[in-house]
């Protein structure tokens, strides 16, 4: 297979589309974030442009939520990503409830993480929040018969940066680290 070097391009896509929630002095604010990552089994990262209104509240409170988005939530999620919380009250964009730590959770999200800030890593124009997962909230309809998360049922929307497009999850193609036995 011939490969072409495209230079220093960020190409690890697609990534899950999430809405990050943080409490402000006026209620929850929501931010569309698809630059998310996993660090170990108990930490996630969200990378946000520094100028986002939500960032200051994540820093102030030390908590936030990370909510997976499915097709039914996509239009509202896209909207909260296209307007600033400094110019529009986004508190009513989603029905929500509070996690034990006070982070606002999107009620209709199939899977929500309540998180606390462990660290913030700053790069040119971005803040990457390293978050401890304090609670994982899953719609019971998205659990299999053994009580495990079924991502086919979660049906998260994915984001692909080079074309700025949303995608849906494809089919399961095998069991990880078990293909030689299947």
N, C-alpha and C. Protein backbone atom coordinates (compact mmCIF):
# COMPACT_ATOMS: atom_id res chain seq x y z
N UNK A 1 0.84 -1.17 0.00
CA UNK A 1 0.00 0.00 0.00
C UNK A 1 0.90 1.24 0.00
N UNK A 2 0.69 2.11 -0.94
CA UNK A 2 1.46 3.36 -1.01
C UNK A 2 0.81 4.39 -0.10
N UNK A 3 1.65 5.09 0.65
CA UNK A 3 1.16 6.13 1.55
C UNK A 3 1.81 7.45 1.19
N UNK A 4 1.05 8.52 1.34
CA UNK A 4 1.56 9.86 1.08
C UNK A 4 1.68 10.60 2.40
N UNK A 5 2.80 11.25 2.65
CA UNK A 5 2.99 12.06 3.85
C UNK A 5 2.27 13.39 3.67
N UNK A 6 1.27 13.64 4.49
CA UNK A 6 0.51 14.88 4.42
C UNK A 6 1.07 15.96 5.34
N UNK A 7 2.18 15.68 5.97
CA UNK A 7 2.77 16.66 6.88
C UNK A 7 2.18 16.52 8.27
N UNK A 8 2.31 17.55 9.04
CA UNK A 8 1.85 17.55 10.44
C UNK A 8 0.36 17.85 10.49
N UNK A 9 -0.45 16.84 10.24
CA UNK A 9 -1.91 16.99 10.24
C UNK A 9 -2.52 16.18 11.36
N UNK A 10 -3.44 16.79 12.09
CA UNK A 10 -4.20 16.06 13.09
C UNK A 10 -5.22 15.21 12.35
N UNK A 11 -5.11 13.90 12.46
CA UNK A 11 -5.95 13.03 11.65
C UNK A 11 -6.56 11.88 12.45
N UNK A 12 -6.53 11.93 13.77
CA UNK A 12 -7.12 10.86 14.58
C UNK A 12 -8.62 11.10 14.74
N UNK A 13 -9.34 10.85 13.69
CA UNK A 13 -10.79 11.05 13.68
C UNK A 13 -11.45 9.81 13.15
N UNK A 14 -12.72 9.57 13.42
CA UNK A 14 -13.66 10.45 14.11
C UNK A 14 -13.55 10.34 15.63
N UNK A 15 -14.13 11.33 16.30
CA UNK A 15 -14.21 11.36 17.76
C UNK A 15 -15.67 11.53 18.17
N UNK A 16 -16.03 11.14 19.38
CA UNK A 16 -17.43 11.30 19.80
C UNK A 16 -17.79 12.77 20.00
N UNK A 17 -19.00 13.11 19.60
CA UNK A 17 -19.53 14.45 19.83
C UNK A 17 -20.09 14.49 21.25
N UNK A 18 -19.69 15.50 22.02
CA UNK A 18 -20.19 15.65 23.38
C UNK A 18 -20.68 17.07 23.60
N UNK A 19 -21.53 17.21 24.59
CA UNK A 19 -21.88 18.53 25.11
C UNK A 19 -21.35 18.56 26.53
N UNK A 20 -20.51 19.54 26.79
CA UNK A 20 -19.95 19.73 28.13
C UNK A 20 -20.83 20.73 28.85
N UNK A 21 -21.20 20.39 30.08
CA UNK A 21 -22.03 21.28 30.89
C UNK A 21 -21.28 21.79 32.09
N UNK A 22 -21.45 23.08 32.38
CA UNK A 22 -20.85 23.68 33.58
C UNK A 22 -21.86 24.65 34.18
N UNK A 23 -21.92 24.68 35.49
CA UNK A 23 -22.81 25.62 36.16
C UNK A 23 -22.19 27.01 36.17
N UNK A 24 -23.02 28.01 35.85
CA UNK A 24 -22.62 29.41 35.92
C UNK A 24 -23.44 30.06 37.03
N UNK A 25 -23.30 31.35 37.20
CA UNK A 25 -24.11 32.05 38.20
C UNK A 25 -25.56 32.20 37.77
N UNK A 26 -25.87 31.82 36.51
CA UNK A 26 -27.23 31.93 35.98
C UNK A 26 -27.84 30.57 35.63
N UNK A 27 -27.16 29.49 35.95
CA UNK A 27 -27.64 28.16 35.58
C UNK A 27 -26.62 27.47 34.70
N UNK A 28 -27.00 26.36 34.08
CA UNK A 28 -26.03 25.62 33.27
C UNK A 28 -25.69 26.33 31.97
N UNK A 29 -24.47 26.15 31.53
CA UNK A 29 -24.06 26.56 30.20
C UNK A 29 -23.55 25.31 29.50
N UNK A 30 -23.80 25.24 28.21
CA UNK A 30 -23.48 24.05 27.42
C UNK A 30 -22.51 24.41 26.31
N UNK A 31 -21.57 23.51 26.04
CA UNK A 31 -20.56 23.72 25.02
C UNK A 31 -20.36 22.43 24.22
N UNK A 32 -20.41 22.53 22.91
CA UNK A 32 -20.16 21.39 22.03
C UNK A 32 -18.66 21.14 21.95
N UNK A 33 -18.23 19.93 22.31
CA UNK A 33 -16.81 19.57 22.28
C UNK A 33 -16.67 18.17 21.67
N UNK A 34 -15.83 18.07 20.65
CA UNK A 34 -15.54 16.75 20.07
C UNK A 34 -14.06 16.38 20.23
N UNK A 35 -13.27 17.30 20.73
CA UNK A 35 -11.87 16.96 21.01
C UNK A 35 -11.79 16.43 22.44
N UNK A 36 -12.13 15.16 22.54
CA UNK A 36 -12.15 14.46 23.83
C UNK A 36 -11.17 13.30 23.76
N UNK A 37 -10.68 12.89 24.92
CA UNK A 37 -9.73 11.79 24.95
C UNK A 37 -9.86 10.99 26.22
N UNK A 38 -9.14 9.89 26.27
CA UNK A 38 -9.15 8.99 27.42
C UNK A 38 -7.73 8.88 27.96
N UNK A 39 -7.60 9.00 29.27
CA UNK A 39 -6.30 8.80 29.93
C UNK A 39 -6.53 7.74 31.00
N UNK A 40 -6.05 6.55 30.78
CA UNK A 40 -6.28 5.47 31.74
C UNK A 40 -7.74 5.06 31.76
N UNK A 41 -8.18 4.50 32.89
CA UNK A 41 -9.55 4.01 33.00
C UNK A 41 -10.44 4.89 33.85
N UNK A 42 -9.88 5.98 34.39
CA UNK A 42 -10.68 6.83 35.27
C UNK A 42 -10.55 8.31 34.95
N UNK A 43 -9.97 8.64 33.79
CA UNK A 43 -9.76 10.04 33.42
C UNK A 43 -10.14 10.25 31.95
N UNK A 44 -10.68 11.42 31.67
CA UNK A 44 -10.93 11.84 30.30
C UNK A 44 -10.38 13.25 30.13
N UNK A 45 -10.20 13.66 28.90
CA UNK A 45 -9.79 15.03 28.62
C UNK A 45 -10.79 15.68 27.68
N UNK A 46 -10.94 16.98 27.84
CA UNK A 46 -11.69 17.79 26.88
C UNK A 46 -10.80 18.96 26.51
N UNK A 47 -10.66 19.21 25.23
CA UNK A 47 -9.82 20.30 24.75
C UNK A 47 -10.72 21.40 24.21
N UNK A 48 -10.60 22.58 24.83
CA UNK A 48 -11.49 23.70 24.52
C UNK A 48 -10.67 24.92 24.13
N UNK A 49 -11.14 25.67 23.14
CA UNK A 49 -10.49 26.94 22.83
C UNK A 49 -10.55 27.82 24.08
N UNK A 50 -9.46 28.54 24.35
CA UNK A 50 -9.34 29.31 25.60
C UNK A 50 -10.44 30.34 25.79
N UNK A 51 -10.95 30.90 24.71
CA UNK A 51 -11.91 32.00 24.84
C UNK A 51 -13.31 31.55 25.23
N UNK A 52 -13.57 30.24 25.30
CA UNK A 52 -14.93 29.79 25.61
C UNK A 52 -15.38 30.22 27.01
N UNK A 53 -16.59 30.72 27.07
CA UNK A 53 -17.23 31.14 28.32
C UNK A 53 -17.27 30.01 29.34
N UNK A 54 -17.53 28.81 28.87
CA UNK A 54 -17.66 27.64 29.76
C UNK A 54 -16.38 27.37 30.54
N UNK A 55 -15.24 27.61 29.93
CA UNK A 55 -13.96 27.30 30.57
C UNK A 55 -13.82 27.94 31.94
N UNK A 56 -14.18 29.23 32.04
CA UNK A 56 -14.01 29.92 33.33
C UNK A 56 -14.85 29.27 34.42
N UNK A 57 -16.01 28.73 34.07
CA UNK A 57 -16.89 28.10 35.05
C UNK A 57 -16.40 26.71 35.42
N UNK A 58 -15.82 26.01 34.48
CA UNK A 58 -15.21 24.71 34.81
C UNK A 58 -14.07 24.94 35.79
N UNK A 59 -13.25 25.95 35.53
CA UNK A 59 -12.14 26.28 36.44
C UNK A 59 -12.67 26.69 37.82
N UNK A 60 -13.67 27.57 37.84
CA UNK A 60 -14.20 28.09 39.10
C UNK A 60 -14.82 26.99 39.95
N UNK A 61 -15.66 26.16 39.34
CA UNK A 61 -16.38 25.11 40.07
C UNK A 61 -15.55 23.85 40.30
N UNK A 62 -14.62 23.60 39.39
CA UNK A 62 -13.84 22.37 39.47
C UNK A 62 -14.62 21.15 39.04
N UNK A 63 -15.80 21.36 38.43
CA UNK A 63 -16.63 20.25 37.97
C UNK A 63 -17.24 20.58 36.62
N UNK A 64 -17.65 19.54 35.92
CA UNK A 64 -18.40 19.69 34.67
C UNK A 64 -18.97 18.33 34.32
N UNK A 65 -19.80 18.32 33.29
CA UNK A 65 -20.30 17.05 32.77
C UNK A 65 -19.86 16.91 31.33
N UNK A 66 -19.74 15.66 30.88
CA UNK A 66 -19.44 15.34 29.49
C UNK A 66 -20.56 14.40 29.05
N UNK A 67 -21.38 14.86 28.10
CA UNK A 67 -22.59 14.15 27.70
C UNK A 67 -22.48 13.70 26.24
N UNK A 68 -22.56 12.39 26.00
CA UNK A 68 -22.56 11.90 24.62
C UNK A 68 -23.83 12.35 23.91
N UNK A 69 -23.69 12.61 22.63
CA UNK A 69 -24.80 13.10 21.83
C UNK A 69 -25.20 12.03 20.81
N UNK A 70 -26.51 11.80 20.72
CA UNK A 70 -27.02 10.91 19.68
C UNK A 70 -27.75 11.76 18.63
N UNK A 71 -28.32 11.12 17.62
CA UNK A 71 -28.95 11.86 16.53
C UNK A 71 -30.07 12.77 17.00
N UNK A 72 -30.85 12.33 17.98
CA UNK A 72 -31.99 13.16 18.40
C UNK A 72 -31.56 14.44 19.11
N UNK A 73 -30.36 14.47 19.66
CA UNK A 73 -29.85 15.67 20.35
C UNK A 73 -28.93 16.52 19.48
N UNK A 74 -28.63 16.06 18.27
CA UNK A 74 -27.61 16.70 17.46
C UNK A 74 -27.92 18.15 17.10
N UNK A 75 -29.13 18.46 16.72
CA UNK A 75 -29.46 19.83 16.32
C UNK A 75 -29.24 20.79 17.49
N UNK A 76 -29.71 20.44 18.67
CA UNK A 76 -29.52 21.30 19.84
C UNK A 76 -28.05 21.39 20.21
N UNK A 77 -27.33 20.27 20.11
CA UNK A 77 -25.90 20.27 20.41
C UNK A 77 -25.14 21.16 19.44
N UNK A 78 -25.46 21.06 18.17
CA UNK A 78 -24.81 21.89 17.17
C UNK A 78 -25.08 23.38 17.45
N UNK A 79 -26.29 23.69 17.86
CA UNK A 79 -26.64 25.09 18.17
C UNK A 79 -25.81 25.63 19.33
N UNK A 80 -25.70 24.87 20.43
CA UNK A 80 -24.94 25.39 21.58
C UNK A 80 -23.46 25.53 21.25
N UNK A 81 -23.00 24.83 20.22
CA UNK A 81 -21.62 25.00 19.78
C UNK A 81 -21.41 26.18 18.87
N UNK A 82 -22.50 26.74 18.35
CA UNK A 82 -22.37 27.84 17.39
C UNK A 82 -22.63 29.21 17.99
N UNK A 83 -23.01 29.27 19.26
CA UNK A 83 -23.26 30.55 19.93
C UNK A 83 -22.50 30.60 21.25
N UNK A 84 -22.16 31.79 21.68
CA UNK A 84 -21.41 31.96 22.93
C UNK A 84 -22.36 32.16 24.10
N UNK A 85 -21.99 31.58 25.23
CA UNK A 85 -22.75 31.78 26.46
C UNK A 85 -22.68 33.21 26.97
N UNK A 86 -21.76 34.00 26.46
CA UNK A 86 -21.71 35.42 26.83
C UNK A 86 -22.78 36.22 26.09
N UNK A 87 -23.28 35.67 24.98
CA UNK A 87 -24.27 36.38 24.16
C UNK A 87 -25.66 35.76 24.20
N UNK A 88 -25.74 34.50 24.55
CA UNK A 88 -27.04 33.81 24.58
C UNK A 88 -27.11 32.93 25.81
N UNK A 89 -28.26 32.95 26.46
CA UNK A 89 -28.51 32.06 27.60
C UNK A 89 -28.81 30.68 27.04
N UNK A 90 -27.89 29.75 27.26
CA UNK A 90 -28.06 28.40 26.72
C UNK A 90 -28.59 27.43 27.77
N UNK A 91 -29.01 27.96 28.91
CA UNK A 91 -29.42 27.09 30.03
C UNK A 91 -30.64 26.24 29.70
N UNK A 92 -31.48 26.68 28.77
CA UNK A 92 -32.70 25.93 28.43
C UNK A 92 -32.56 25.09 27.16
N UNK A 93 -31.35 24.95 26.67
CA UNK A 93 -31.13 24.16 25.45
C UNK A 93 -31.46 22.69 25.66
N UNK A 94 -31.28 22.21 26.89
CA UNK A 94 -31.54 20.81 27.23
C UNK A 94 -32.25 20.73 28.57
N UNK A 95 -33.11 19.73 28.72
CA UNK A 95 -33.61 19.40 30.06
C UNK A 95 -32.40 18.83 30.80
N UNK A 96 -32.28 19.16 32.08
CA UNK A 96 -31.08 18.74 32.80
C UNK A 96 -31.39 18.47 34.27
N UNK A 97 -30.47 17.76 34.88
CA UNK A 97 -30.53 17.52 36.32
C UNK A 97 -29.10 17.59 36.84
N UNK A 98 -28.95 17.71 38.15
CA UNK A 98 -27.62 17.85 38.75
C UNK A 98 -27.08 16.50 39.20
N UNK A 99 -25.80 16.30 38.94
CA UNK A 99 -25.09 15.15 39.50
C UNK A 99 -24.79 15.46 40.96
N UNK A 100 -24.33 14.47 41.70
CA UNK A 100 -24.01 14.67 43.11
C UNK A 100 -23.01 15.79 43.32
N UNK A 101 -22.10 15.99 42.36
CA UNK A 101 -21.08 17.04 42.50
C UNK A 101 -21.56 18.41 42.00
N UNK A 102 -22.82 18.48 41.56
CA UNK A 102 -23.38 19.75 41.10
C UNK A 102 -23.26 19.99 39.61
N UNK A 103 -22.56 19.12 38.89
CA UNK A 103 -22.43 19.29 37.44
C UNK A 103 -23.78 19.05 36.77
N UNK A 104 -24.14 19.87 35.79
CA UNK A 104 -25.41 19.67 35.09
C UNK A 104 -25.30 18.55 34.06
N UNK A 105 -26.23 17.60 34.12
CA UNK A 105 -26.27 16.47 33.19
C UNK A 105 -27.41 16.67 32.21
N UNK A 106 -27.17 16.40 30.93
CA UNK A 106 -28.23 16.45 29.92
C UNK A 106 -29.11 15.23 30.11
N UNK A 107 -30.38 15.45 30.48
CA UNK A 107 -31.28 14.34 30.79
C UNK A 107 -31.44 13.36 29.64
N UNK A 108 -31.52 13.84 28.41
CA UNK A 108 -31.78 12.97 27.26
C UNK A 108 -30.51 12.37 26.66
N UNK A 109 -29.36 12.70 27.20
CA UNK A 109 -28.12 12.09 26.70
C UNK A 109 -28.13 10.61 27.07
N UNK A 110 -27.75 9.74 26.14
CA UNK A 110 -27.72 8.32 26.48
C UNK A 110 -26.65 7.97 27.51
N UNK A 111 -25.60 8.80 27.60
CA UNK A 111 -24.51 8.54 28.54
C UNK A 111 -23.88 9.87 28.95
N UNK A 112 -23.82 10.10 30.25
CA UNK A 112 -23.25 11.33 30.80
C UNK A 112 -22.20 10.99 31.85
N UNK A 113 -21.13 11.75 31.85
CA UNK A 113 -20.09 11.63 32.87
C UNK A 113 -20.10 12.88 33.73
N UNK A 114 -20.17 12.71 35.04
CA UNK A 114 -19.96 13.81 35.98
C UNK A 114 -18.48 13.78 36.32
N UNK A 115 -17.82 14.92 36.19
CA UNK A 115 -16.37 14.95 36.31
C UNK A 115 -15.88 16.07 37.21
N UNK A 116 -14.69 15.86 37.77
CA UNK A 116 -14.01 16.92 38.52
C UNK A 116 -12.65 17.16 37.87
N UNK A 117 -12.23 18.42 37.91
CA UNK A 117 -10.98 18.82 37.27
C UNK A 117 -9.78 18.35 38.09
N UNK A 118 -8.87 17.65 37.43
CA UNK A 118 -7.63 17.19 38.04
C UNK A 118 -6.48 18.12 37.66
N UNK A 119 -6.48 18.57 36.41
CA UNK A 119 -5.40 19.41 35.91
C UNK A 119 -5.88 20.13 34.65
N UNK A 120 -5.16 21.17 34.29
CA UNK A 120 -5.42 21.89 33.04
C UNK A 120 -4.09 22.03 32.32
N UNK A 121 -4.07 21.60 31.08
CA UNK A 121 -2.88 21.67 30.25
C UNK A 121 -3.12 22.73 29.18
N UNK A 122 -2.30 23.76 29.15
CA UNK A 122 -2.49 24.86 28.20
C UNK A 122 -1.53 24.75 27.03
N UNK A 123 -2.08 24.93 25.84
CA UNK A 123 -1.29 25.03 24.62
C UNK A 123 -1.72 26.30 23.92
N UNK A 124 -1.12 26.60 22.81
CA UNK A 124 -1.42 27.83 22.09
C UNK A 124 -2.90 27.89 21.70
N UNK A 125 -3.66 28.70 22.41
CA UNK A 125 -5.06 28.91 22.09
C UNK A 125 -6.03 27.91 22.70
N UNK A 126 -5.54 26.90 23.40
CA UNK A 126 -6.41 25.86 23.93
C UNK A 126 -6.13 25.56 25.40
N UNK A 127 -7.17 25.12 26.08
CA UNK A 127 -7.06 24.56 27.43
C UNK A 127 -7.58 23.13 27.36
N UNK A 128 -6.76 22.19 27.80
CA UNK A 128 -7.19 20.81 27.87
C UNK A 128 -7.39 20.47 29.34
N UNK A 129 -8.63 20.18 29.68
CA UNK A 129 -8.98 19.83 31.06
C UNK A 129 -8.82 18.33 31.24
N UNK A 130 -8.04 17.93 32.22
CA UNK A 130 -7.92 16.53 32.61
C UNK A 130 -8.96 16.32 33.70
N UNK A 131 -9.88 15.40 33.48
CA UNK A 131 -11.04 15.23 34.35
C UNK A 131 -11.09 13.83 34.96
N UNK A 132 -11.34 13.76 36.25
CA UNK A 132 -11.62 12.49 36.91
C UNK A 132 -13.10 12.19 36.73
N UNK A 133 -13.42 10.96 36.44
CA UNK A 133 -14.83 10.56 36.29
C UNK A 133 -15.38 10.26 37.67
N UNK A 134 -16.33 11.08 38.12
CA UNK A 134 -16.94 10.91 39.44
C UNK A 134 -18.21 10.06 39.38
N UNK A 135 -18.85 10.03 38.23
CA UNK A 135 -20.06 9.24 38.06
C UNK A 135 -20.37 9.05 36.59
N UNK A 136 -20.84 7.86 36.23
CA UNK A 136 -21.24 7.55 34.85
C UNK A 136 -22.73 7.24 34.87
N UNK A 137 -23.50 8.04 34.15
CA UNK A 137 -24.96 7.92 34.14
C UNK A 137 -25.38 7.44 32.76
N UNK A 138 -26.08 6.31 32.71
CA UNK A 138 -26.44 5.69 31.43
C UNK A 138 -27.95 5.44 31.39
N UNK A 139 -28.56 5.79 30.27
CA UNK A 139 -29.96 5.46 30.03
C UNK A 139 -30.09 3.94 30.12
N UNK A 140 -31.02 3.46 30.93
CA UNK A 140 -31.17 2.01 31.12
C UNK A 140 -31.45 1.28 29.82
N UNK A 141 -32.05 1.96 28.85
CA UNK A 141 -32.32 1.34 27.55
C UNK A 141 -31.03 1.08 26.77
N UNK A 142 -29.92 1.65 27.21
CA UNK A 142 -28.62 1.47 26.55
C UNK A 142 -27.75 0.42 27.23
N UNK A 143 -28.33 -0.32 28.17
CA UNK A 143 -27.60 -1.39 28.85
C UNK A 143 -28.02 -2.74 28.28
N UNK A 144 -27.06 -3.66 28.19
CA UNK A 144 -27.39 -5.00 27.73
C UNK A 144 -27.95 -5.83 28.89
N UNK A 145 -28.21 -7.10 28.63
CA UNK A 145 -28.81 -7.97 29.64
C UNK A 145 -27.90 -8.20 30.85
N UNK A 146 -26.61 -7.93 30.70
CA UNK A 146 -25.66 -8.07 31.82
C UNK A 146 -25.41 -6.75 32.54
N UNK A 147 -26.11 -5.69 32.12
CA UNK A 147 -25.93 -4.39 32.76
C UNK A 147 -24.74 -3.60 32.23
N UNK A 148 -24.17 -4.03 31.11
CA UNK A 148 -23.04 -3.34 30.50
C UNK A 148 -23.54 -2.37 29.43
N UNK A 149 -22.76 -1.32 29.20
CA UNK A 149 -23.13 -0.34 28.18
C UNK A 149 -23.05 -0.96 26.80
N UNK A 150 -24.12 -0.83 26.03
CA UNK A 150 -24.18 -1.30 24.65
C UNK A 150 -24.09 -0.06 23.75
N UNK A 151 -22.92 0.16 23.16
CA UNK A 151 -22.71 1.38 22.37
C UNK A 151 -23.50 1.39 21.07
N UNK A 152 -23.96 0.23 20.62
CA UNK A 152 -24.89 0.19 19.50
C UNK A 152 -26.20 0.86 19.88
N UNK A 153 -26.62 0.67 21.12
CA UNK A 153 -27.84 1.33 21.62
C UNK A 153 -27.58 2.79 21.96
N UNK A 154 -26.41 3.10 22.47
CA UNK A 154 -26.06 4.50 22.77
C UNK A 154 -26.06 5.30 21.47
N UNK A 155 -25.55 4.71 20.41
CA UNK A 155 -25.52 5.31 19.07
C UNK A 155 -24.96 6.73 19.07
N UNK A 156 -23.72 6.90 19.56
CA UNK A 156 -23.16 8.25 19.61
C UNK A 156 -22.89 8.81 18.22
N UNK A 157 -23.07 10.11 18.10
CA UNK A 157 -22.69 10.81 16.87
C UNK A 157 -21.19 11.06 16.95
N UNK A 158 -20.54 10.97 15.81
CA UNK A 158 -19.09 11.17 15.72
C UNK A 158 -18.79 12.43 14.91
N UNK A 159 -17.61 12.99 15.14
CA UNK A 159 -17.18 14.21 14.45
C UNK A 159 -15.89 13.93 13.70
N UNK A 160 -15.81 14.47 12.49
CA UNK A 160 -14.62 14.33 11.66
C UNK A 160 -14.18 15.73 11.26
N UNK A 161 -13.02 16.15 11.75
CA UNK A 161 -12.55 17.53 11.62
C UNK A 161 -12.19 17.97 10.20
N UNK A 162 -11.45 17.17 9.41
CA UNK A 162 -11.03 17.69 8.11
C UNK A 162 -12.17 18.19 7.22
N UNK A 163 -13.35 17.56 7.29
CA UNK A 163 -14.49 18.04 6.49
C UNK A 163 -15.58 18.67 7.36
N UNK A 164 -15.32 18.78 8.67
CA UNK A 164 -16.28 19.37 9.62
C UNK A 164 -17.64 18.69 9.47
N UNK A 165 -17.65 17.37 9.59
CA UNK A 165 -18.87 16.59 9.37
C UNK A 165 -19.20 15.73 10.58
N UNK A 166 -20.50 15.46 10.73
CA UNK A 166 -20.98 14.52 11.74
C UNK A 166 -21.23 13.17 11.07
N UNK A 167 -20.97 12.11 11.82
CA UNK A 167 -21.16 10.75 11.33
C UNK A 167 -21.87 9.94 12.40
N UNK A 168 -22.47 8.82 11.98
CA UNK A 168 -23.06 7.92 12.97
C UNK A 168 -22.17 6.69 13.10
N UNK A 169 -22.32 5.99 14.22
CA UNK A 169 -21.52 4.81 14.51
C UNK A 169 -21.87 3.70 13.52
N UNK A 170 -20.85 2.99 13.07
CA UNK A 170 -21.06 1.90 12.12
C UNK A 170 -21.34 0.58 12.81
N UNK A 171 -21.16 -0.49 12.09
CA UNK A 171 -21.45 -1.82 12.62
C UNK A 171 -20.30 -2.38 13.45
N UNK A 172 -20.61 -3.29 14.34
CA UNK A 172 -19.59 -4.01 15.10
C UNK A 172 -18.91 -4.98 14.14
N UNK A 173 -17.58 -5.01 14.16
CA UNK A 173 -16.85 -5.87 13.23
C UNK A 173 -16.08 -6.99 13.92
N UNK A 174 -16.12 -7.05 15.24
CA UNK A 174 -15.45 -8.12 15.96
C UNK A 174 -15.17 -7.75 17.40
N UNK A 175 -14.75 -8.75 18.17
CA UNK A 175 -14.41 -8.54 19.57
C UNK A 175 -12.94 -8.22 19.74
N UNK A 176 -12.64 -7.14 20.41
CA UNK A 176 -11.25 -6.70 20.61
C UNK A 176 -10.45 -7.74 21.38
N UNK A 177 -9.27 -8.03 20.88
CA UNK A 177 -8.33 -9.01 21.45
C UNK A 177 -8.92 -10.42 21.51
N UNK A 178 -9.90 -10.69 20.65
CA UNK A 178 -10.52 -12.02 20.59
C UNK A 178 -10.72 -12.49 19.15
N UNK A 179 -10.27 -11.72 18.18
CA UNK A 179 -10.54 -12.07 16.79
C UNK A 179 -9.96 -13.42 16.40
N UNK A 180 -8.83 -13.80 16.98
CA UNK A 180 -8.24 -15.09 16.63
C UNK A 180 -9.06 -16.25 17.19
N UNK A 181 -9.98 -15.97 18.10
CA UNK A 181 -10.83 -17.02 18.68
C UNK A 181 -12.26 -16.98 18.14
N UNK A 182 -12.56 -15.98 17.36
CA UNK A 182 -13.94 -15.86 16.83
C UNK A 182 -14.06 -16.52 15.48
